[in-house]
């Protein structure tokens, strides 16, 4: 988007006070303007085609028709980058994550009125609006139609070659909720342990883990301190905590959680996870993966992993919603191979000499 052209935003929220807060946040940046607002989806559906906004902020929970249902009706008729605005309640987090499957590109939590919360929401929302305005929404909606092949028994089961890789570490940001779901939809149940750092606020990671586990019959959990690294287990970094690999201690390798300072503006940070793998001399038995996201979190960590003997994969521009994090990682030499999302699990199987129970 040209620098002299303002990003046009439309706000949908049933509460006027929330609309006012979002408007105040957005208009604090000279590159963004609010061109309209609506208190319900019915009013919004009339105004959006007329005003032609670049980005829509959409309340998750509204009376008569919630944000997810409106999104499902809107996208086929009027594709537009949408950022969901959600409460941190269980219902709110479930709907926000569900919205990603219907085309929303990201979500933020509603500010609670506190000065520090308002400030962090301001920075986050402005960054996400700017990122959303650059997205090719038509390509993204096609990407959402990605269908995985069903897992079927493999006649070669039990004949996998010996692999030295015991761990897969994945980092993602904007677009990552959808990308991780798509990737895990084809992951076998007997893969090595997978550690995931996805930029996500508190209250959402447990819901995300629960949904992925249920939908794909995998053992996906929000990570807890001292959880054991084991085959078939998938851990997701909890919101507001860094996920790390602990120093090897006897037989059991474990993960840890830390509330140390934000890194690259994030907690959890992908770099923190990747660097912990290097620091504890586990890189040579790890495959590192960096997916869609804005910024540079994970790039230096992935490079350190590669330098220490890890195999590394970066999502290509072909499938990434935001080709930011994987691009930086590739540009500095951290990515050994760039691949679209659909080719990642086959590549992982190749690295793992995998021909196990499922294909």
Protein backbone atom coordinates (compact mmCIF):
# COMPACT_ATOMS: atom_id res chain seq x y z
CA UNK A 1 0.00 0.00 0.00
CA UNK A 2 1.37 3.42 -0.93
CA UNK A 3 2.63 5.50 2.00
CA UNK A 4 0.41 8.46 1.13
CA UNK A 5 -2.76 6.38 1.08
CA UNK A 6 -4.42 5.82 4.42
CA UNK A 7 -5.65 2.35 5.43
CA UNK A 8 -9.44 2.48 5.58
CA UNK A 9 -10.93 0.59 8.54
CA UNK A 10 -14.54 -0.29 9.35
CA UNK A 11 -15.51 -1.18 12.96
CA UNK A 12 -18.29 -3.62 13.90
CA UNK A 13 -19.17 -3.92 17.60
CA UNK A 14 -22.49 -3.84 19.42
CA UNK A 15 -21.11 -1.67 22.25
CA UNK A 16 -20.63 2.01 21.47
CA UNK A 17 -18.01 2.40 24.19
CA UNK A 18 -15.89 -0.34 22.60
CA UNK A 19 -16.31 1.20 19.14
CA UNK A 20 -15.13 4.52 20.58
CA UNK A 21 -12.06 2.91 22.17
CA UNK A 22 -11.14 1.10 18.93
CA UNK A 23 -11.67 4.29 16.94
CA UNK A 24 -9.42 6.23 19.32
CA UNK A 25 -6.74 3.53 19.11
CA UNK A 26 -6.84 3.36 15.31
CA UNK A 27 -6.88 7.09 14.66
CA UNK A 28 -3.81 7.59 16.86
CA UNK A 29 -1.82 6.39 13.85
CA UNK A 30 -1.69 8.86 10.94
CA UNK A 31 -1.60 6.02 8.38
CA UNK A 32 -5.01 4.65 9.40
CA UNK A 33 -8.50 6.15 9.25
CA UNK A 34 -11.90 4.89 10.37
CA UNK A 35 -14.35 5.26 7.50
CA UNK A 36 -17.38 3.80 9.23
CA UNK A 37 -18.81 1.71 12.02
CA UNK A 38 -21.82 -0.45 12.76
CA UNK A 39 -23.46 -1.81 15.89
CA UNK A 40 -24.58 -5.06 14.26
CA UNK A 41 -23.86 -7.26 11.22
CA UNK A 42 -27.06 -6.25 9.41
CA UNK A 43 -26.09 -2.59 9.39
CA UNK A 44 -22.50 -3.52 8.51
CA UNK A 45 -23.53 -5.65 5.52
CA UNK A 46 -25.19 -2.60 3.94
CA UNK A 47 -22.35 -0.16 4.59
CA UNK A 48 -19.26 -2.27 3.82
CA UNK A 49 -19.79 -2.62 0.02
CA UNK A 50 -20.59 1.09 -0.19
CA UNK A 51 -17.57 2.31 1.83
CA UNK A 52 -15.07 -0.29 0.55
CA UNK A 53 -12.83 -0.56 3.63
CA UNK A 54 -9.36 -2.13 3.45
CA UNK A 55 -9.70 -3.88 6.83
CA UNK A 56 -12.62 -4.80 9.09
CA UNK A 57 -12.49 -5.16 12.89
CA UNK A 58 -15.27 -7.49 13.99
CA UNK A 59 -16.62 -8.19 17.46
CA UNK A 60 -16.80 -11.91 18.17
CA UNK A 61 -19.86 -11.94 20.43
CA UNK A 62 -22.93 -9.92 19.42
CA UNK A 63 -26.69 -10.48 19.85
CA UNK A 64 -28.85 -11.85 16.99
CA UNK A 65 -25.83 -12.77 14.84
CA UNK A 66 -22.35 -13.27 16.25
CA UNK A 67 -19.15 -12.27 14.47
CA UNK A 68 -18.31 -15.78 13.28
CA UNK A 69 -21.67 -16.26 11.59
CA UNK A 70 -21.40 -12.84 9.96
CA UNK A 71 -17.90 -13.70 8.77
CA UNK A 72 -19.17 -16.90 7.15
CA UNK A 73 -21.83 -14.93 5.26
CA UNK A 74 -19.57 -11.98 4.41
CA UNK A 75 -16.49 -13.68 2.97
CA UNK A 76 -18.05 -15.38 -0.08
CA UNK A 77 -19.76 -12.12 -1.10
CA UNK A 78 -17.22 -9.52 -0.02
CA UNK A 79 -13.72 -10.86 0.71
CA UNK A 80 -11.90 -8.50 3.07
CA UNK A 81 -9.13 -8.87 5.67
CA UNK A 82 -10.89 -9.23 9.04
CA UNK A 83 -9.42 -8.89 12.53
CA UNK A 84 -11.63 -10.37 15.23
CA UNK A 85 -11.98 -8.52 18.54
CA UNK A 86 -12.62 -11.01 21.32
CA UNK A 87 -13.12 -11.26 25.05
CA UNK A 88 -10.85 -13.70 26.90
CA UNK A 89 -13.78 -15.87 28.03
CA UNK A 90 -13.74 -19.52 26.98
CA UNK A 91 -16.66 -18.92 24.59
CA UNK A 92 -14.97 -15.83 23.17
CA UNK A 93 -11.65 -17.60 22.61
CA UNK A 94 -13.34 -20.60 20.96
CA UNK A 95 -15.23 -18.34 18.54
CA UNK A 96 -12.14 -16.24 17.76
CA UNK A 97 -10.15 -19.34 16.86
CA UNK A 98 -13.08 -20.73 14.86
CA UNK A 99 -13.19 -17.44 12.93
CA UNK A 100 -9.67 -18.16 11.63
CA UNK A 101 -11.08 -21.21 9.84
CA UNK A 102 -13.63 -19.01 8.07
CA UNK A 103 -11.18 -16.44 6.78
CA UNK A 104 -10.34 -14.01 9.59
CA UNK A 105 -6.64 -13.18 9.42
CA UNK A 106 -6.01 -12.44 13.11
CA UNK A 107 -7.58 -11.45 16.42
CA UNK A 108 -6.97 -9.16 19.38
CA UNK A 109 -8.43 -9.17 22.87
CA UNK A 110 -10.72 -6.40 24.03
CA UNK A 111 -8.93 -3.84 26.22
CA UNK A 112 -10.12 -4.05 29.83
CA UNK A 113 -9.76 -0.32 30.47
CA UNK A 114 -6.43 -0.47 32.29
CA UNK A 115 -3.75 1.91 30.99
CA UNK A 116 -1.13 -0.81 30.36
CA UNK A 117 -3.65 -3.08 28.64
CA UNK A 118 -4.88 -0.21 26.48
CA UNK A 119 -1.34 0.66 25.45
CA UNK A 120 -0.44 -2.93 24.51
CA UNK A 121 -3.74 -3.32 22.61
CA UNK A 122 -3.02 -0.08 20.75
CA UNK A 123 0.38 -1.28 19.53
CA UNK A 124 -0.94 -4.74 18.66
CA UNK A 125 -4.07 -3.60 16.84
CA UNK A 126 -2.26 -0.99 14.76
CA UNK A 127 0.44 -3.51 13.75
CA UNK A 128 -2.17 -6.09 12.82
CA UNK A 129 -4.27 -3.64 10.80
CA UNK A 130 -1.19 -2.60 8.82
CA UNK A 131 -0.25 -6.23 8.20
CA UNK A 132 -3.82 -7.15 7.24
CA UNK A 133 -3.97 -4.32 4.70
CA UNK A 134 -1.15 -5.97 2.73
CA UNK A 135 -2.75 -9.42 2.52
CA UNK A 136 -3.94 -10.98 -0.72
CA UNK A 137 -7.29 -12.05 0.72
CA UNK A 138 -8.42 -14.02 -2.34
CA UNK A 139 -5.28 -16.18 -2.20
CA UNK A 140 -5.74 -16.65 1.54
CA UNK A 141 -9.33 -17.85 1.15
CA UNK A 142 -8.19 -20.37 -1.47
CA UNK A 143 -5.53 -21.55 0.97
CA UNK A 144 -8.26 -22.21 3.54
CA UNK A 145 -9.82 -24.77 1.20
CA UNK A 146 -6.70 -26.92 1.66
CA UNK A 147 -7.96 -30.44 2.32
CA UNK A 148 -5.74 -33.11 3.80
CA UNK A 149 -5.88 -36.72 2.72
CA UNK A 150 -7.28 -39.02 5.40
CA UNK A 151 -4.78 -40.98 7.44
CA UNK A 152 -4.75 -44.58 6.24
CA UNK A 153 -2.91 -47.66 7.55
CA UNK A 154 0.52 -48.07 6.01
CA UNK A 155 1.52 -51.59 4.84
CA UNK A 156 5.15 -50.62 5.58
CA UNK A 157 4.31 -50.01 9.24
CA UNK A 158 7.14 -50.91 11.55
CA UNK A 159 9.76 -50.62 8.81
CA UNK A 160 10.76 -47.03 9.31
CA UNK A 161 14.46 -46.34 9.05
CA UNK A 162 16.35 -45.14 12.10
CA UNK A 163 16.14 -41.36 12.48
CA UNK A 164 18.32 -39.15 14.63
CA UNK A 165 15.56 -36.53 14.94
CA UNK A 166 13.62 -36.70 18.19
CA UNK A 167 12.05 -33.25 18.22
CA UNK A 168 10.24 -30.85 15.88
CA UNK A 169 10.11 -27.16 16.88
CA UNK A 170 7.65 -24.84 15.13
CA UNK A 171 7.26 -21.07 15.31
CA UNK A 172 4.46 -18.91 13.85
CA UNK A 173 2.59 -15.62 14.21
CA UNK A 174 -0.11 -13.96 12.05
CA UNK A 175 -1.88 -16.67 10.05
CA UNK A 176 -0.27 -19.33 12.20
CA UNK A 177 -3.45 -20.55 13.88
CA UNK A 178 -4.72 -21.72 10.50
CA UNK A 179 -1.32 -22.85 9.21
CA UNK A 180 -0.64 -24.97 12.30
CA UNK A 181 -4.07 -26.61 12.05
CA UNK A 182 -3.45 -27.42 8.41
CA UNK A 183 0.00 -28.82 9.10
CA UNK A 184 -1.12 -30.92 12.06
CA UNK A 185 -4.09 -32.28 10.10
CA UNK A 186 -1.63 -34.55 8.25
CA UNK A 187 0.80 -35.33 11.08
CA UNK A 188 0.84 -39.01 12.14
CA UNK A 189 0.12 -39.89 15.76
CA UNK A 190 3.53 -41.50 16.21
CA UNK A 191 5.65 -38.54 15.06
CA UNK A 192 8.39 -37.21 17.37
CA UNK A 193 7.37 -34.66 20.00
CA UNK A 194 6.38 -31.30 18.49
CA UNK A 195 6.90 -27.99 20.33
CA UNK A 196 4.96 -24.98 19.03
CA UNK A 197 5.35 -21.31 19.82
CA UNK A 198 2.48 -19.38 18.27
CA UNK A 199 2.08 -15.71 19.16
CA UNK A 200 -1.20 -15.81 21.06
CA UNK A 201 -2.54 -14.06 24.19
CA UNK A 202 -3.38 -15.81 27.49
CA UNK A 203 -6.71 -17.58 27.53
CA UNK A 204 -6.53 -18.69 23.90
CA UNK A 205 -3.76 -21.29 23.77
CA UNK A 206 -5.56 -23.90 25.88
CA UNK A 207 -8.67 -23.52 23.70
CA UNK A 208 -6.56 -23.81 20.56
CA UNK A 209 -4.77 -26.94 21.82
CA UNK A 210 -8.07 -28.55 22.86
CA UNK A 211 -9.66 -27.87 19.46
CA UNK A 212 -6.75 -29.22 17.42
CA UNK A 213 -6.52 -32.31 19.63
CA UNK A 214 -10.23 -33.04 19.19
CA UNK A 215 -10.40 -32.31 15.46
CA UNK A 216 -7.37 -34.37 14.42
CA UNK A 217 -7.30 -37.05 17.17
CA UNK A 218 -3.84 -35.98 18.30
CA UNK A 219 -2.36 -35.50 21.78
CA UNK A 220 -2.11 -31.69 21.73
CA UNK A 221 -1.68 -29.84 25.01
CA UNK A 222 -0.99 -26.39 26.34
CA UNK A 223 2.51 -26.87 27.75
CA UNK A 224 3.13 -27.04 31.49
CA UNK A 225 6.45 -26.71 33.28
CA UNK A 226 8.36 -30.02 33.39
CA UNK A 227 6.15 -31.74 30.79
CA UNK A 228 8.00 -34.69 29.29
CA UNK A 229 9.12 -34.74 25.68
CA UNK A 230 7.80 -37.98 24.21
CA UNK A 231 6.68 -39.49 20.92
CA UNK A 232 3.21 -38.41 19.81
CA UNK A 233 2.99 -35.45 22.20
CA UNK A 234 2.41 -31.90 20.88
CA UNK A 235 2.93 -28.94 23.20
CA UNK A 236 1.80 -25.37 22.55
CA UNK A 237 3.41 -22.48 24.43
CA UNK A 238 0.84 -20.90 26.78
CA UNK A 239 0.02 -17.25 26.20
CA UNK A 240 2.34 -14.86 28.09
CA UNK A 241 4.96 -17.57 28.81
CA UNK A 242 8.08 -18.53 26.88
CA UNK A 243 8.37 -22.24 26.08
CA UNK A 244 11.89 -23.68 26.40
CA UNK A 245 13.58 -27.06 26.29
CA UNK A 246 15.24 -27.87 29.60
CA UNK A 247 18.74 -29.18 29.99
CA UNK A 248 18.81 -32.95 29.62
CA UNK A 249 18.56 -34.56 33.03
CA UNK A 250 18.85 -38.33 33.16
CA UNK A 251 16.38 -40.28 31.04
CA UNK A 252 13.55 -37.76 30.69
CA UNK A 253 13.89 -34.68 28.52
CA UNK A 254 11.46 -31.97 29.64
CA UNK A 255 10.17 -28.55 28.66
CA UNK A 256 9.99 -25.48 30.85
CA UNK A 257 8.03 -22.23 31.04
CA UNK A 258 9.49 -18.83 31.84
CA UNK A 259 7.95 -15.41 32.32
CA UNK A 260 11.17 -13.56 31.49
CA UNK A 261 11.18 -10.35 29.43
CA UNK A 262 9.52 -10.22 26.03
CA UNK A 263 11.80 -10.98 23.09
CA UNK A 264 11.17 -9.22 19.77
CA UNK A 265 8.09 -7.80 21.48
CA UNK A 266 6.63 -11.24 22.16
CA UNK A 267 6.00 -13.62 25.04
CA UNK A 268 5.95 -16.41 23.99
CA UNK A 269 8.83 -15.83 21.58
CA UNK A 270 9.91 -18.25 18.86
CA UNK A 271 13.54 -17.16 19.28
CA UNK A 272 13.48 -18.17 22.95
CA UNK A 273 12.33 -21.70 22.05
CA UNK A 274 14.83 -22.11 19.22
CA UNK A 275 17.77 -20.73 21.23
CA UNK A 276 16.97 -23.04 24.17
CA UNK A 277 17.32 -26.02 21.83
CA UNK A 278 20.77 -24.82 20.76
CA UNK A 279 21.88 -23.96 24.29
CA UNK A 280 21.01 -27.45 25.52
CA UNK A 281 22.83 -29.13 22.61
CA UNK A 282 19.69 -30.63 21.06
CA UNK A 283 19.88 -28.95 17.64
CA UNK A 284 21.43 -31.96 15.90
CA UNK A 285 18.37 -34.05 16.80
CA UNK A 286 15.79 -31.35 16.01
CA UNK A 287 13.94 -30.15 12.91
CA UNK A 288 13.08 -26.44 13.06
CA UNK A 289 10.12 -24.97 11.16
CA UNK A 290 9.15 -21.32 10.78
CA UNK A 291 5.70 -20.44 9.45
CA UNK A 292 3.73 -17.35 8.48
CA UNK A 293 4.00 -14.19 10.57
CA UNK A 294 5.00 -10.54 10.56
CA UNK A 295 8.28 -9.37 12.00
CA UNK A 296 11.48 -11.30 12.58
CA UNK A 297 10.86 -13.45 15.67
CA UNK A 298 12.46 -16.86 15.23
CA UNK A 299 14.84 -15.93 12.42
CA UNK A 300 18.02 -15.67 14.51
CA UNK A 301 17.05 -18.71 16.56
CA UNK A 302 16.48 -20.78 13.43
CA UNK A 303 19.87 -19.71 12.07
CA UNK A 304 21.51 -20.73 15.34
CA UNK A 305 19.75 -24.10 15.12
CA UNK A 306 20.90 -24.65 11.55
CA UNK A 307 24.47 -23.68 12.43
CA UNK A 308 24.35 -26.20 15.29
CA UNK A 309 23.24 -29.07 13.05
CA UNK A 310 19.43 -28.88 12.87
CA UNK A 311 17.45 -29.33 9.67
CA UNK A 312 15.39 -26.20 9.04
CA UNK A 313 12.31 -25.47 6.93
CA UNK A 314 10.66 -22.12 6.18
CA UNK A 315 7.18 -21.57 4.76
CA UNK A 316 7.37 -20.18 1.24
CA UNK A 317 5.66 -17.03 0.04
CA UNK A 318 3.36 -19.29 -2.00
CA UNK A 319 1.32 -20.32 1.05
CA UNK A 320 2.24 -17.88 3.84
CA UNK A 321 -0.44 -15.36 4.83
CA UNK A 322 2.35 -12.98 5.90
CA UNK A 323 5.73 -13.74 4.34
CA UNK A 324 7.61 -11.89 7.08
CA UNK A 325 9.19 -14.19 9.66
CA UNK A 326 10.04 -16.94 7.16
CA UNK A 327 11.48 -14.36 4.72
CA UNK A 328 13.80 -12.86 7.34
CA UNK A 329 14.90 -16.34 8.41
CA UNK A 330 15.59 -17.25 4.78
CA UNK A 331 17.42 -13.99 4.02
CA UNK A 332 19.87 -14.43 6.91
CA UNK A 333 20.55 -18.08 6.06
CA UNK A 334 18.45 -19.79 8.72
CA UNK A 335 16.23 -21.69 6.28
CA UNK A 336 17.68 -24.77 4.63
CA UNK A 337 14.61 -25.34 2.46
CA UNK A 338 11.54 -23.22 1.64
CA UNK A 339 8.31 -25.11 1.07
CA UNK A 340 4.59 -24.39 0.79
CA UNK A 341 2.58 -25.68 3.74
CA UNK A 342 1.18 -28.65 1.80
CA UNK A 343 4.67 -30.09 1.26
CA UNK A 344 5.95 -29.78 4.82
CA UNK A 345 4.72 -33.02 6.37
CA UNK A 346 5.99 -35.10 3.40
CA UNK A 347 9.39 -33.38 3.86
CA UNK A 348 9.34 -34.06 7.60
CA UNK A 349 8.60 -37.73 6.89
CA UNK A 350 11.54 -37.76 4.51
CA UNK A 351 13.88 -36.33 7.16
CA UNK A 352 12.55 -38.84 9.69
CA UNK A 353 12.80 -41.86 7.35
CA UNK A 354 9.17 -42.27 8.30
CA UNK A 355 6.99 -45.13 7.09
CA UNK A 356 5.16 -45.79 10.32
CA UNK A 357 1.66 -46.65 11.40
CA UNK A 358 -0.02 -43.93 9.32
CA UNK A 359 0.65 -42.28 5.98
